[in-house]
Amino acid sequence: MASTPNIETHEISDADLDMVSGGLADSLTSIAPSVTGLASVEGPLATVVSNVAPSVEVNASGVSGLIGNA
C-alpha cells in the first residue's frame, strides 16, 4: 500500500527573499578575485569562467543564469 508523504509548506515573505538575495550577492562578490584568477585557464573550465565572470555581481535574478551557465 502506497503512502502519501506528509509535506509541510510555508510562505516566504518579500523581506526574507531580499535578505537571501543580498546574502547571495555578497557571497558572489567575495569570490570575484578567485574567478578573475582562473581567467588564464583553457578548455572547458575557461568556458565556465568566461560565463561566470560577467555575472559575479548579480542580484537574485542573475543567480539562476549563473548556475545554468556553470
Protein backbone atom coordinates (compact mmCIF):
# COMPACT_ATOMS: atom_id res chain seq x y z
CA MET A 1 0.00 0.00 0.00
CA ALA A 2 1.49 3.33 -1.09
CA SER A 3 1.60 6.14 1.41
CA THR A 4 1.31 9.84 0.72
CA PRO A 5 4.26 11.86 2.05
CA ASN A 6 3.42 14.49 4.62
CA ILE A 7 4.85 17.69 3.14
CA GLU A 8 4.70 20.89 5.15
CA THR A 9 4.87 24.21 3.29
CA HIS A 10 5.49 27.78 4.45
CA GLU A 11 5.14 31.11 2.73
CA ILE A 12 8.29 33.20 2.32
CA SER A 13 7.96 36.94 2.81
CA ASP A 14 9.46 39.51 0.47
CA ALA A 15 11.75 40.64 3.31
CA ASP A 16 13.09 37.10 3.69
CA LEU A 17 13.72 36.87 -0.06
CA ASP A 18 15.52 40.22 -0.03
CA MET A 19 17.77 39.00 2.79
CA VAL A 20 18.63 35.83 0.86
CA SER A 21 19.35 37.67 -2.40
CA GLY A 22 21.55 40.17 -0.54
CA GLY A 23 23.50 37.33 1.04
CA LEU A 24 24.00 35.67 -2.33
CA ALA A 25 25.21 38.92 -3.87
CA ASP A 26 27.69 39.40 -1.03
CA SER A 27 28.97 35.84 -1.42
CA LEU A 28 29.37 36.14 -5.17
CA THR A 29 31.14 39.49 -4.88
CA SER A 30 33.60 37.96 -2.41
CA ILE A 31 34.60 35.27 -4.93
CA ALA A 32 35.26 37.79 -7.72
CA PRO A 33 39.06 37.80 -7.19
CA SER A 34 39.12 33.99 -7.37
CA VAL A 35 37.15 33.95 -10.61
CA THR A 36 39.47 36.55 -12.13
CA GLY A 37 42.45 34.42 -11.07
CA LEU A 38 41.07 31.48 -13.04
CA ALA A 39 40.74 33.52 -16.24
CA SER A 40 44.03 32.19 -17.62
CA VAL A 41 42.84 28.56 -17.80
CA GLU A 42 41.99 26.92 -21.10
CA GLY A 43 39.44 24.36 -22.25
CA PRO A 44 36.05 23.64 -20.65
CA LEU A 45 36.92 25.43 -17.41
CA ALA A 46 37.77 28.57 -19.37
CA THR A 47 34.26 28.47 -20.84
CA VAL A 48 32.77 28.27 -17.35
CA VAL A 49 34.94 31.14 -16.13
CA SER A 50 34.00 33.32 -19.10
CA ASN A 51 30.32 32.63 -18.43
CA VAL A 52 30.65 33.32 -14.69
CA ALA A 53 32.91 36.38 -14.72
CA PRO A 54 30.33 38.83 -16.18
CA SER A 55 27.75 37.58 -13.66
CA VAL A 56 29.76 37.85 -10.46
CA GLU A 57 28.00 40.98 -9.21
CA VAL A 58 24.41 39.78 -9.55
CA ASN A 59 21.09 40.14 -7.86
CA ALA A 60 18.79 37.18 -7.23
CA SER A 61 17.63 37.11 -10.86
CA GLY A 62 21.23 36.58 -12.02
CA VAL A 63 21.81 33.56 -9.84
CA SER A 64 19.76 31.17 -11.95
CA GLY A 65 21.69 32.24 -15.06
CA LEU A 66 24.97 31.84 -13.22
CA ILE A 67 24.11 28.30 -12.14
CA GLY A 68 22.76 27.44 -15.59
CA ASN A 69 25.98 28.51 -17.30
CA ALA A 70 28.19 26.55 -14.93
